[in-house]
PDB file of all heavy atoms in Angstrom:
ATOM      1  N   PRO A   1       0.798  -1.238  -0.005  1.00  0.00           N
ATOM      2  CA  PRO A   1       0.004   0.005   0.006  1.00  0.00           C
ATOM      3  C   PRO A   1       0.823   1.267  -0.003  1.00  0.00           C
ATOM      4  O   PRO A   1       0.301   2.345  -0.361  1.00  0.00           O
ATOM      5  CB  PRO A   1      -0.806  -0.129   1.304  1.00  0.00           C
ATOM      6  CG  PRO A   1      -0.030  -1.062   2.185  1.00  0.00           C
ATOM      7  CD  PRO A   1       0.604  -2.037   1.232  1.00  0.00           C
ATOM      8  N   LYS A   2       2.089   1.211   0.376  1.00  0.00           N
ATOM      9  CA  LYS A   2       2.893   2.429   0.492  1.00  0.00           C
ATOM     10  C   LYS A   2       3.963   2.526  -0.645  1.00  0.00           C
ATOM     11  O   LYS A   2       4.868   3.302  -0.542  1.00  0.00           O
ATOM     12  CB  LYS A   2       3.564   2.517   1.860  1.00  0.00           C
ATOM     13  CG  LYS A   2       2.554   2.674   2.996  1.00  0.00           C
ATOM     14  CD  LYS A   2       3.240   3.000   4.304  1.00  0.00           C
ATOM     15  CE  LYS A   2       2.174   3.230   5.395  1.00  0.00           C
ATOM     16  NZ  LYS A   2       2.800   3.604   6.680  1.00  0.00           N
ATOM     17  N   PHE A   3       3.778   1.705  -1.663  1.00  0.00           N
ATOM     18  CA  PHE A   3       4.708   1.758  -2.793  1.00  0.00           C
ATOM     19  C   PHE A   3       4.383   2.963  -3.675  1.00  0.00           C
ATOM     20  O   PHE A   3       3.216   3.175  -4.026  1.00  0.00           O
ATOM     21  CB  PHE A   3       4.635   0.467  -3.614  1.00  0.00           C
ATOM     22  CG  PHE A   3       5.564   0.450  -4.790  1.00  0.00           C
ATOM     23  CD1 PHE A   3       6.945   0.254  -4.625  1.00  0.00           C
ATOM     24  CD2 PHE A   3       5.107   0.650  -6.100  1.00  0.00           C
ATOM     25  CE1 PHE A   3       7.783   0.239  -5.702  1.00  0.00           C
ATOM     26  CE2 PHE A   3       5.965   0.601  -7.174  1.00  0.00           C
ATOM     27  CZ  PHE A   3       7.310   0.407  -7.001  1.00  0.00           C
ATOM     28  N   ARG A   4       5.389   3.766  -4.056  1.00  0.00           N
ATOM     29  CA  ARG A   4       5.219   4.931  -4.877  1.00  0.00           C
ATOM     30  C   ARG A   4       5.890   4.679  -6.211  1.00  0.00           C
ATOM     31  O   ARG A   4       7.119   4.787  -6.358  1.00  0.00           O
ATOM     32  CB  ARG A   4       5.806   6.164  -4.188  1.00  0.00           C
ATOM     33  CG  ARG A   4       5.172   6.498  -2.830  1.00  0.00           C
ATOM     34  CD  ARG A   4       6.020   7.446  -2.035  1.00  0.00           C
ATOM     35  NE  ARG A   4       7.308   6.859  -1.693  1.00  0.00           N
ATOM     36  CZ  ARG A   4       8.313   7.522  -1.105  1.00  0.00           C
ATOM     37  NH1 ARG A   4       8.151   8.808  -0.829  1.00  0.00           N
ATOM     38  NH2 ARG A   4       9.428   6.921  -0.815  1.00  0.00           N
ATOM     39  N   ARG A   5       5.079   4.295  -7.228  1.00  0.00           N
ATOM     40  CA  ARG A   5       5.618   3.920  -8.512  1.00  0.00           C
ATOM     41  C   ARG A   5       6.451   4.997  -9.150  1.00  0.00           C
ATOM     42  O   ARG A   5       7.503   4.739  -9.735  1.00  0.00           O
ATOM     43  CB  ARG A   5       4.453   3.549  -9.450  1.00  0.00           C
ATOM     44  CG  ARG A   5       4.936   3.146 -10.850  1.00  0.00           C
ATOM     45  CD  ARG A   5       3.754   2.953 -11.809  1.00  0.00           C
ATOM     46  NE  ARG A   5       3.032   1.766 -11.494  1.00  0.00           N
ATOM     47  CZ  ARG A   5       3.242   0.595 -12.060  1.00  0.00           C
ATOM     48  NH1 ARG A   5       4.228   0.453 -12.916  1.00  0.00           N
ATOM     49  NH2 ARG A   5       2.530  -0.440 -11.746  1.00  0.00           N
ATOM     50  N   GLU A   6       6.030   6.272  -8.977  1.00  0.00           N
ATOM     51  CA  GLU A   6       6.758   7.345  -9.624  1.00  0.00           C
ATOM     52  C   GLU A   6       8.169   7.495  -9.072  1.00  0.00           C
ATOM     53  O   GLU A   6       9.087   7.846  -9.805  1.00  0.00           O
ATOM     54  CB  GLU A   6       5.976   8.685  -9.464  1.00  0.00           C
ATOM     55  CG  GLU A   6       5.903   9.245  -8.068  1.00  0.00           C
ATOM     56  CD  GLU A   6       4.825   8.575  -7.203  1.00  0.00           C
ATOM     57  OE1 GLU A   6       4.198   7.617  -7.649  1.00  0.00           O
ATOM     58  OE2 GLU A   6       4.624   9.050  -6.071  1.00  0.00           O
ATOM     59  N   VAL A   7       8.341   7.218  -7.779  1.00  0.00           N
ATOM     60  CA  VAL A   7       9.670   7.288  -7.164  1.00  0.00           C
ATOM     61  C   VAL A   7      10.553   6.184  -7.731  1.00  0.00           C
ATOM     62  O   VAL A   7      11.722   6.403  -8.099  1.00  0.00           O
ATOM     63  CB  VAL A   7       9.584   7.176  -5.634  1.00  0.00           C
ATOM     64  CG1 VAL A   7      10.978   7.112  -5.026  1.00  0.00           C
ATOM     65  CG2 VAL A   7       8.813   8.368  -5.080  1.00  0.00           C
ATOM     66  N   CYS A   8      10.027   4.996  -7.844  1.00  0.00           N
ATOM     67  CA  CYS A   8      10.762   3.851  -8.416  1.00  0.00           C
ATOM     68  C   CYS A   8      11.174   4.150  -9.846  1.00  0.00           C
ATOM     69  O   CYS A   8      12.341   3.947 -10.209  1.00  0.00           O
ATOM     70  CB  CYS A   8       9.915   2.598  -8.305  1.00  0.00           C
ATOM     71  SG  CYS A   8      10.739   1.132  -8.979  1.00  0.00           S
ATOM     72  N   GLU A   9      10.244   4.586 -10.652  1.00  0.00           N
ATOM     73  CA  GLU A   9      10.536   4.805 -12.074  1.00  0.00           C
ATOM     74  C   GLU A   9      11.481   5.980 -12.273  1.00  0.00           C
ATOM     75  O   GLU A   9      12.293   5.970 -13.218  1.00  0.00           O
ATOM     76  CB  GLU A   9       9.231   4.989 -12.829  1.00  0.00           C
ATOM     77  CG  GLU A   9       8.385   3.678 -12.867  1.00  0.00           C
ATOM     78  CD  GLU A   9       7.193   3.790 -13.784  1.00  0.00           C
ATOM     79  OE1 GLU A   9       6.806   4.935 -14.113  1.00  0.00           O
ATOM     80  OE2 GLU A   9       6.643   2.738 -14.133  1.00  0.00           O
ATOM     81  N   GLN A  10      11.420   6.966 -11.396  1.00  0.00           N
ATOM     82  CA  GLN A  10      12.357   8.077 -11.499  1.00  0.00           C
ATOM     83  C   GLN A  10      13.777   7.582 -11.219  1.00  0.00           C
ATOM     84  O   GLN A  10      14.725   7.994 -11.893  1.00  0.00           O
ATOM     85  CB  GLN A  10      11.983   9.158 -10.489  1.00  0.00           C
ATOM     86  CG  GLN A  10      12.877  10.367 -10.494  1.00  0.00           C
ATOM     87  CD  GLN A  10      12.480  11.430  -9.502  1.00  0.00           C
ATOM     88  OE1 GLN A  10      11.796  11.156  -8.532  1.00  0.00           O
ATOM     89  NE2 GLN A  10      12.924  12.641  -9.707  1.00  0.00           N
ATOM     90  N   PHE A  11      13.933   6.689 -10.225  1.00  0.00           N
ATOM     91  CA  PHE A  11      15.258   6.170  -9.903  1.00  0.00           C
ATOM     92  C   PHE A  11      15.759   5.295 -11.079  1.00  0.00           C
ATOM     93  O   PHE A  11      16.934   5.405 -11.508  1.00  0.00           O
ATOM     94  CB  PHE A  11      15.192   5.350  -8.651  1.00  0.00           C
ATOM     95  CG  PHE A  11      16.528   4.713  -8.248  1.00  0.00           C
ATOM     96  CD1 PHE A  11      17.470   5.459  -7.577  1.00  0.00           C
ATOM     97  CD2 PHE A  11      16.823   3.409  -8.576  1.00  0.00           C
ATOM     98  CE1 PHE A  11      18.692   4.932  -7.225  1.00  0.00           C
ATOM     99  CE2 PHE A  11      18.014   2.849  -8.219  1.00  0.00           C
ATOM    100  CZ  PHE A  11      18.971   3.615  -7.576  1.00  0.00           C
ATOM    101  N   LEU A  12      14.912   4.446 -11.628  1.00  0.00           N
ATOM    102  CA  LEU A  12      15.297   3.586 -12.718  1.00  0.00           C
ATOM    103  C   LEU A  12      15.649   4.358 -13.963  1.00  0.00           C
ATOM    104  O   LEU A  12      16.503   3.901 -14.749  1.00  0.00           O
ATOM    105  CB  LEU A  12      14.178   2.582 -13.042  1.00  0.00           C
ATOM    106  CG  LEU A  12      13.889   1.534 -11.941  1.00  0.00           C
ATOM    107  CD1 LEU A  12      12.742   0.626 -12.383  1.00  0.00           C
ATOM    108  CD2 LEU A  12      15.125   0.711 -11.628  1.00  0.00           C
ATOM    109  N   SER A  13      15.040   5.506 -14.149  1.00  0.00           N
ATOM    110  CA  SER A  13      15.314   6.315 -15.360  1.00  0.00           C
ATOM    111  C   SER A  13      16.732   6.843 -15.356  1.00  0.00           C
ATOM    112  O   SER A  13      17.261   7.181 -16.411  1.00  0.00           O
ATOM    113  CB  SER A  13      14.332   7.482 -15.439  1.00  0.00           C
ATOM    114  OG  SER A  13      14.575   8.448 -14.404  1.00  0.00           O
ATOM    115  N   ARG A  14      17.348   6.896 -14.181  1.00  0.00           N
ATOM    116  CA  ARG A  14      18.746   7.357 -14.102  1.00  0.00           C
ATOM    117  C   ARG A  14      19.760   6.201 -14.175  1.00  0.00           C
ATOM    118  O   ARG A  14      20.941   6.398 -14.047  1.00  0.00           O
ATOM    119  CB  ARG A  14      18.958   8.135 -12.808  1.00  0.00           C
ATOM    120  CG  ARG A  14      18.006   9.312 -12.632  1.00  0.00           C
ATOM    121  CD  ARG A  14      18.513  10.277 -11.552  1.00  0.00           C
ATOM    122  NE  ARG A  14      18.635   9.657 -10.272  1.00  0.00           N
ATOM    123  CZ  ARG A  14      17.666   9.571  -9.350  1.00  0.00           C
ATOM    124  NH1 ARG A  14      16.482  10.118  -9.643  1.00  0.00           N
ATOM    125  NH2 ARG A  14      17.871   8.978  -8.183  1.00  0.00           N
ATOM    126  N   SER A  15      19.222   4.994 -14.376  1.00  0.00           N
ATOM    127  CA  SER A  15      20.076   3.812 -14.451  1.00  0.00           C
ATOM    128  C   SER A  15      20.017   3.216 -15.865  1.00  0.00           C
ATOM    129  O   SER A  15      19.348   3.764 -16.750  1.00  0.00           O
ATOM    130  CB  SER A  15      19.636   2.782 -13.443  1.00  0.00           C
ATOM    131  OG  SER A  15      18.423   2.183 -13.834  1.00  0.00           O
ATOM    132  N   ASP A  16      20.714   2.110 -16.065  1.00  0.00           N
ATOM    133  CA  ASP A  16      20.679   1.446 -17.375  1.00  0.00           C
ATOM    134  C   ASP A  16      19.668   0.276 -17.350  1.00  0.00           C
ATOM    135  O   ASP A  16      19.687  -0.587 -18.274  1.00  0.00           O
ATOM    136  CB  ASP A  16      22.057   0.890 -17.715  1.00  0.00           C
ATOM    137  CG  ASP A  16      23.104   2.023 -17.900  1.00  0.00           C
ATOM    138  OD1 ASP A  16      22.703   3.093 -18.390  1.00  0.00           O
ATOM    139  OD2 ASP A  16      24.267   1.804 -17.528  1.00  0.00           O
ATOM    140  N   ILE A  17      18.823   0.216 -16.379  1.00  0.00           N
ATOM    141  CA  ILE A  17      17.891  -0.893 -16.251  1.00  0.00           C
ATOM    142  C   ILE A  17      16.717  -0.730 -17.239  1.00  0.00           C
ATOM    143  O   ILE A  17      16.016   0.253 -17.243  1.00  0.00           O
ATOM    144  CB  ILE A  17      17.311  -1.000 -14.808  1.00  0.00           C
ATOM    145  CG1 ILE A  17      18.475  -1.196 -13.818  1.00  0.00           C
ATOM    146  CG2 ILE A  17      16.316  -2.121 -14.674  1.00  0.00           C
ATOM    147  CD1 ILE A  17      18.055  -1.118 -12.386  1.00  0.00           C
ATOM    148  N   GLN A  18      16.532  -1.731 -18.097  1.00  0.00           N
ATOM    149  CA  GLN A  18      15.442  -1.746 -19.042  1.00  0.00           C
ATOM    150  C   GLN A  18      14.301  -2.550 -18.486  1.00  0.00           C
ATOM    151  O   GLN A  18      14.455  -3.696 -18.084  1.00  0.00           O
ATOM    152  CB  GLN A  18      15.898  -2.346 -20.375  1.00  0.00           C
ATOM    153  CG  GLN A  18      17.058  -1.581 -21.010  1.00  0.00           C
ATOM    154  CD  GLN A  18      17.588  -2.293 -22.243  1.00  0.00           C
ATOM    155  OE1 GLN A  18      17.000  -3.216 -22.756  1.00  0.00           O
ATOM    156  NE2 GLN A  18      18.762  -1.839 -22.696  1.00  0.00           N
ATOM    157  N   GLN A  19      13.108  -1.958 -18.424  1.00  0.00           N
ATOM    158  CA  GLN A  19      11.995  -2.590 -17.760  1.00  0.00           C
ATOM    159  C   GLN A  19      11.470  -3.845 -18.478  1.00  0.00           C
ATOM    160  O   GLN A  19      10.753  -4.647 -17.886  1.00  0.00           O
ATOM    161  CB  GLN A  19      10.856  -1.584 -17.580  1.00  0.00           C
ATOM    162  CG  GLN A  19      11.210  -0.444 -16.638  1.00  0.00           C
ATOM    163  CD  GLN A  19      10.008   0.369 -16.214  1.00  0.00           C
ATOM    164  OE1 GLN A  19       8.860  -0.122 -16.260  1.00  0.00           O
ATOM    165  NE2 GLN A  19      10.212   1.587 -15.788  1.00  0.00           N
ATOM    166  N   GLY A  20      11.839  -4.036 -19.707  1.00  0.00           N
ATOM    167  CA  GLY A  20      11.412  -5.209 -20.439  1.00  0.00           C
ATOM    168  C   GLY A  20      12.267  -6.434 -20.194  1.00  0.00           C
ATOM    169  O   GLY A  20      11.911  -7.558 -20.596  1.00  0.00           O
ATOM    170  N   ARG A  21      13.414  -6.287 -19.527  1.00  0.00           N
ATOM    171  CA  ARG A  21      14.324  -7.425 -19.308  1.00  0.00           C
ATOM    172  C   ARG A  21      13.930  -8.202 -18.125  1.00  0.00           C
ATOM    173  O   ARG A  21      13.317  -7.736 -17.174  1.00  0.00           O
ATOM    174  CB  ARG A  21      15.777  -6.877 -19.161  1.00  0.00           C
ATOM    175  CG  ARG A  21      16.259  -6.044 -20.346  1.00  0.00           C
ATOM    176  CD  ARG A  21      17.746  -5.826 -20.248  1.00  0.00           C
ATOM    177  NE  ARG A  21      18.482  -7.060 -20.497  1.00  0.00           N
ATOM    178  CZ  ARG A  21      19.808  -7.152 -20.389  1.00  0.00           C
ATOM    179  NH1 ARG A  21      20.510  -6.088 -19.962  1.00  0.00           N
ATOM    180  NH2 ARG A  21      20.439  -8.277 -20.649  1.00  0.00           N
ATOM    181  N   ARG A  22      14.323  -9.493 -18.159  1.00  0.00           N
ATOM    182  CA  ARG A  22      14.094 -10.380 -17.022  1.00  0.00           C
ATOM    183  C   ARG A  22      15.221 -10.217 -16.011  1.00  0.00           C
ATOM    184  O   ARG A  22      16.330  -9.845 -16.370  1.00  0.00           O
ATOM    185  CB  ARG A  22      14.001 -11.831 -17.450  1.00  0.00           C
ATOM    186  CG  ARG A  22      12.846 -12.138 -18.398  1.00  0.00           C
ATOM    187  CD  ARG A  22      12.746 -13.625 -18.711  1.00  0.00           C
ATOM    188  NE  ARG A  22      11.739 -13.902 -19.747  1.00  0.00           N
ATOM    189  CZ  ARG A  22      10.458 -14.076 -19.526  1.00  0.00           C
ATOM    190  NH1 ARG A  22       9.981 -13.959 -18.276  1.00  0.00           N
ATOM    191  NH2 ARG A  22       9.614 -14.296 -20.528  1.00  0.00           N
ATOM    192  N   VAL A  23      14.916 -10.498 -14.766  1.00  0.00           N
ATOM    193  CA  VAL A  23      15.908 -10.361 -13.683  1.00  0.00           C
ATOM    194  C   VAL A  23      17.122 -11.242 -13.990  1.00  0.00           C
ATOM    195  O   VAL A  23      18.270 -10.841 -13.731  1.00  0.00           O
ATOM    196  CB  VAL A  23      15.287 -10.718 -12.321  1.00  0.00           C
ATOM    197  CG1 VAL A  23      16.326 -10.824 -11.241  1.00  0.00           C
ATOM    198  CG2 VAL A  23      14.266  -9.672 -11.935  1.00  0.00           C
ATOM    199  N   LYS A  24      16.885 -12.434 -14.507  1.00  0.00           N
ATOM    200  CA  LYS A  24      18.010 -13.357 -14.757  1.00  0.00           C
ATOM    201  C   LYS A  24      18.978 -12.835 -15.811  1.00  0.00           C
ATOM    202  O   LYS A  24      20.125 -13.322 -15.870  1.00  0.00           O
ATOM    203  CB  LYS A  24      17.490 -14.731 -15.210  1.00  0.00           C
ATOM    204  CG  LYS A  24      16.767 -14.761 -16.546  1.00  0.00           C
ATOM    205  CD  LYS A  24      16.250 -16.156 -16.860  1.00  0.00           C
ATOM    206  CE  LYS A  24      15.527 -16.216 -18.205  1.00  0.00           C
ATOM    207  NZ  LYS A  24      15.010 -17.570 -18.475  1.00  0.00           N
ATOM    208  N   ALA A  25      18.589 -11.844 -16.601  1.00  0.00           N
ATOM    209  CA  ALA A  25      19.457 -11.267 -17.609  1.00  0.00           C
ATOM    210  C   ALA A  25      20.294 -10.097 -17.089  1.00  0.00           C
ATOM    211  O   ALA A  25      21.134  -9.589 -17.783  1.00  0.00           O
ATOM    212  CB  ALA A  25      18.633 -10.829 -18.825  1.00  0.00           C
ATOM    213  N   LEU A  26      20.063  -9.762 -15.823  1.00  0.00           N
ATOM    214  CA  LEU A  26      20.760  -8.601 -15.243  1.00  0.00           C
ATOM    215  C   LEU A  26      21.966  -9.074 -14.438  1.00  0.00           C
ATOM    216  O   LEU A  26      21.934 -10.133 -13.820  1.00  0.00           O
ATOM    217  CB  LEU A  26      19.817  -7.817 -14.357  1.00  0.00           C
ATOM    218  CG  LEU A  26      18.498  -7.362 -14.954  1.00  0.00           C
ATOM    219  CD1 LEU A  26      17.649  -6.634 -13.916  1.00  0.00           C
ATOM    220  CD2 LEU A  26      18.761  -6.439 -16.154  1.00  0.00           C
ATOM    221  N   SER A  27      22.987  -8.252 -14.368  1.00  0.00           N
ATOM    222  CA  SER A  27      24.144  -8.566 -13.533  1.00  0.00           C
ATOM    223  C   SER A  27      23.777  -8.408 -12.067  1.00  0.00           C
ATOM    224  O   SER A  27      22.777  -7.782 -11.707  1.00  0.00           O
ATOM    225  CB  SER A  27      25.316  -7.611 -13.888  1.00  0.00           C
ATOM    226  OG  SER A  27      25.017  -6.304 -13.468  1.00  0.00           O
ATOM    227  N   LYS A  28      24.633  -8.935 -11.207  1.00  0.00           N
ATOM    228  CA  LYS A  28      24.356  -8.845  -9.769  1.00  0.00           C
ATOM    229  C   LYS A  28      24.262  -7.382  -9.311  1.00  0.00           C
ATOM    230  O   LYS A  28      23.404  -7.018  -8.509  1.00  0.00           O
ATOM    231  CB  LYS A  28      25.436  -9.566  -8.992  1.00  0.00           C
ATOM    232  CG  LYS A  28      25.142  -9.718  -7.490  1.00  0.00           C
ATOM    233  CD  LYS A  28      26.227 -10.525  -6.809  1.00  0.00           C
ATOM    234  CE  LYS A  28      25.958 -10.666  -5.315  1.00  0.00           C
ATOM    235  NZ  LYS A  28      24.747 -11.448  -5.007  1.00  0.00           N
ATOM    236  N   GLY A  29      25.160  -6.540  -9.842  1.00  0.00           N
ATOM    237  CA  GLY A  29      25.112  -5.174  -9.446  1.00  0.00           C
ATOM    238  C   GLY A  29      23.861  -4.453  -9.903  1.00  0.00           C
ATOM    239  O   GLY A  29      23.269  -3.636  -9.169  1.00  0.00           O
ATOM    240  N   VAL A  30      23.389  -4.746 -11.091  1.00  0.00           N
ATOM    241  CA  VAL A  30      22.157  -4.124 -11.612  1.00  0.00           C
ATOM    242  C   VAL A  30      20.949  -4.629 -10.847  1.00  0.00           C
ATOM    243  O   VAL A  30      20.008  -3.869 -10.557  1.00  0.00           O
ATOM    244  CB  VAL A  30      22.025  -4.410 -13.115  1.00  0.00           C
ATOM    245  CG1 VAL A  30      20.668  -3.923 -13.633  1.00  0.00           C
ATOM    246  CG2 VAL A  30      23.139  -3.741 -13.894  1.00  0.00           C
ATOM    247  N   VAL A  31      20.936  -5.899 -10.466  1.00  0.00           N
ATOM    248  CA  VAL A  31      19.843  -6.443  -9.658  1.00  0.00           C
ATOM    249  C   VAL A  31      19.788  -5.709  -8.329  1.00  0.00           C
ATOM    250  O   VAL A  31      18.729  -5.411  -7.784  1.00  0.00           O
ATOM    251  CB  VAL A  31      19.978  -7.960  -9.465  1.00  0.00           C
ATOM    252  CG1 VAL A  31      18.930  -8.478  -8.469  1.00  0.00           C
ATOM    253  CG2 VAL A  31      19.818  -8.682 -10.792  1.00  0.00           C
TER     254      VAL A  31
END
């Protein structure tokens, strides 16, 4: 109930994380 999607997506927008990728395709640091 206290998750703020806009905060999460703002943080991800400053990273190289692509929302269409699966977790298993990400490096440990990116995860």
